[in-house]
């Protein structure tokens, strides 16, 4: 896949069994495609514009020695060994390694933050990958 030269960090949300609070576990992925375009829509208040992100993650990218699992299997997996791509999870452009960060911390400290809206599993395509669309 062409232009897969970016590094991202996926923050998967999990519920801490002891505290009951959400925690975000990072996975650094190297060798992805990152594209941002402005999407616009007209509603009764006028023209609304927002960034639309399309991120393609090839199956042969570097997943920091982790394996991909489906979202419904992630909650029972070890976050040091597995990651997922699920609606509502957060992606940051660049390598972010500290864990325990909250979405507000990420927005205050890092430039390009994406909330996953949809994931398409294109692992059967000619160039196998996951397509992630976010805002």
Protein backbone atom coordinates (compact mmCIF):
# COMPACT_ATOMS: atom_id res chain seq x y z
CA UNK A 1 0.00 0.00 0.00
CA UNK A 2 1.36 3.41 -0.99
CA UNK A 3 2.16 6.31 1.35
CA UNK A 4 2.12 4.22 4.51
CA UNK A 5 4.81 6.22 6.25
CA UNK A 6 3.00 7.60 9.29
CA UNK A 7 3.00 6.52 12.93
CA UNK A 8 -0.14 6.55 15.04
CA UNK A 9 -1.14 5.57 18.56
CA UNK A 10 -4.46 3.82 19.08
CA UNK A 11 -5.99 4.29 22.54
CA UNK A 12 -8.43 1.47 23.31
CA UNK A 13 -10.98 2.09 26.05
CA UNK A 14 -11.30 -0.52 28.80
CA UNK A 15 -13.14 -0.52 32.10
CA UNK A 16 -10.87 -0.96 35.12
CA UNK A 17 -12.35 -3.86 37.09
CA UNK A 18 -11.20 -2.43 40.44
CA UNK A 19 -12.27 1.20 40.05
CA UNK A 20 -15.01 0.91 37.43
CA UNK A 21 -13.48 3.86 35.54
CA UNK A 22 -12.53 3.89 31.87
CA UNK A 23 -8.82 3.61 31.13
CA UNK A 24 -7.16 4.04 27.74
CA UNK A 25 -4.44 1.59 26.68
CA UNK A 26 -2.03 2.76 23.93
CA UNK A 27 -0.73 0.81 20.95
CA UNK A 28 1.85 2.45 18.68
CA UNK A 29 1.45 1.43 15.02
CA UNK A 30 4.07 2.31 12.42
CA UNK A 31 3.55 2.17 8.66
CA UNK A 32 0.03 3.57 8.15
CA UNK A 33 -1.63 6.00 5.75
CA UNK A 34 -3.15 9.17 7.26
CA UNK A 35 -5.44 11.41 5.21
CA UNK A 36 -7.52 14.39 6.32
CA UNK A 37 -10.10 16.25 4.26
CA UNK A 38 -12.67 18.89 5.05
CA UNK A 39 -16.23 17.60 4.86
CA UNK A 40 -19.09 20.07 4.77
CA UNK A 41 -22.82 19.89 5.24
CA UNK A 42 -25.64 22.40 5.09
CA UNK A 43 -28.24 22.47 7.83
CA UNK A 44 -30.78 25.05 9.01
CA UNK A 45 -28.07 27.07 10.80
CA UNK A 46 -25.87 27.29 7.70
CA UNK A 47 -22.76 25.61 6.35
CA UNK A 48 -20.95 23.31 8.77
CA UNK A 49 -17.42 22.07 8.07
CA UNK A 50 -15.43 19.44 9.92
CA UNK A 51 -12.29 17.40 9.39
CA UNK A 52 -12.85 13.85 8.17
CA UNK A 53 -9.94 11.49 8.72
CA UNK A 54 -9.30 8.31 6.75
CA UNK A 55 -6.58 6.09 8.17
CA UNK A 56 -5.53 2.90 6.43
CA UNK A 57 -3.64 0.36 8.51
CA UNK A 58 -1.99 -2.41 6.46
CA UNK A 59 -1.96 -5.87 8.02
CA UNK A 60 1.83 -5.89 7.70
CA UNK A 61 2.30 -2.65 9.71
CA UNK A 62 4.35 -2.73 12.91
CA UNK A 63 1.89 -3.19 15.81
CA UNK A 64 4.47 -3.00 18.63
CA UNK A 65 4.43 -6.79 19.08
CA UNK A 66 0.66 -6.84 19.61
CA UNK A 67 -2.04 -8.75 17.74
CA UNK A 68 -5.34 -7.41 16.45
CA UNK A 69 -8.54 -8.85 17.97
CA UNK A 70 -12.16 -8.08 17.23
CA UNK A 71 -13.71 -5.44 19.51
CA UNK A 72 -15.94 -7.90 21.41
CA UNK A 73 -12.86 -10.03 22.25
CA UNK A 74 -10.71 -7.11 23.41
CA UNK A 75 -12.35 -6.74 26.83
CA UNK A 76 -11.10 -10.20 27.86
CA UNK A 77 -7.65 -9.82 26.27
CA UNK A 78 -4.37 -8.65 27.77
CA UNK A 79 -3.88 -4.99 26.63
CA UNK A 80 -0.10 -5.52 26.60
CA UNK A 81 -0.57 -8.21 23.91
CA UNK A 82 -3.66 -7.23 21.92
CA UNK A 83 -5.36 -4.15 20.48
CA UNK A 84 -8.55 -3.47 18.55
CA UNK A 85 -10.19 -0.82 16.37
CA UNK A 86 -13.60 0.11 17.74
CA UNK A 87 -16.02 3.01 17.43
CA UNK A 88 -15.28 5.61 20.09
CA UNK A 89 -11.62 4.66 20.51
CA UNK A 90 -9.07 7.42 19.95
CA UNK A 91 -6.18 7.70 17.51
CA UNK A 92 -3.38 10.25 17.85
CA UNK A 93 -0.93 11.01 15.06
CA UNK A 94 2.53 10.13 16.36
CA UNK A 95 3.97 7.76 18.94
CA UNK A 96 2.54 8.31 22.44
CA UNK A 97 3.71 5.77 25.00
CA UNK A 98 2.42 6.83 28.43
CA UNK A 99 -0.67 4.95 29.52
CA UNK A 100 -3.34 6.24 31.87
CA UNK A 101 -4.04 9.30 29.73
CA UNK A 102 -7.62 10.49 29.43
CA UNK A 103 -9.17 11.95 26.25
CA UNK A 104 -8.99 15.44 27.77
CA UNK A 105 -5.24 14.97 28.40
CA UNK A 106 -4.73 13.93 24.78
CA UNK A 107 -6.70 16.89 23.39
CA UNK A 108 -4.76 19.32 25.57
CA UNK A 109 -1.32 17.93 24.65
CA UNK A 110 -1.44 16.63 21.08
CA UNK A 111 -2.44 18.15 17.76
CA UNK A 112 -4.30 15.64 15.65
CA UNK A 113 -6.78 13.57 17.66
CA UNK A 114 -9.28 11.31 15.90
CA UNK A 115 -12.32 9.59 17.39
CA UNK A 116 -13.13 6.42 15.45
CA UNK A 117 -16.55 6.54 13.79
CA UNK A 118 -16.33 3.46 11.56
CA UNK A 119 -13.95 0.61 10.76
CA UNK A 120 -13.96 -1.42 7.55
CA UNK A 121 -12.15 -4.75 7.55
CA UNK A 122 -10.47 -4.94 4.14
CA UNK A 123 -8.16 -7.85 4.96
CA UNK A 124 -9.43 -9.71 1.87
CA UNK A 125 -8.48 -6.85 -0.47
CA UNK A 126 -5.54 -6.94 -2.87
CA UNK A 127 -3.63 -4.86 -0.31
CA UNK A 128 -5.02 -6.19 3.03
CA UNK A 129 -5.75 -3.44 5.56
CA UNK A 130 -8.24 -1.88 7.96
CA UNK A 131 -9.86 1.39 6.90
CA UNK A 132 -10.67 3.69 9.81
CA UNK A 133 -12.86 6.78 9.39
CA UNK A 134 -13.01 9.35 12.16
CA UNK A 135 -13.62 12.93 13.14
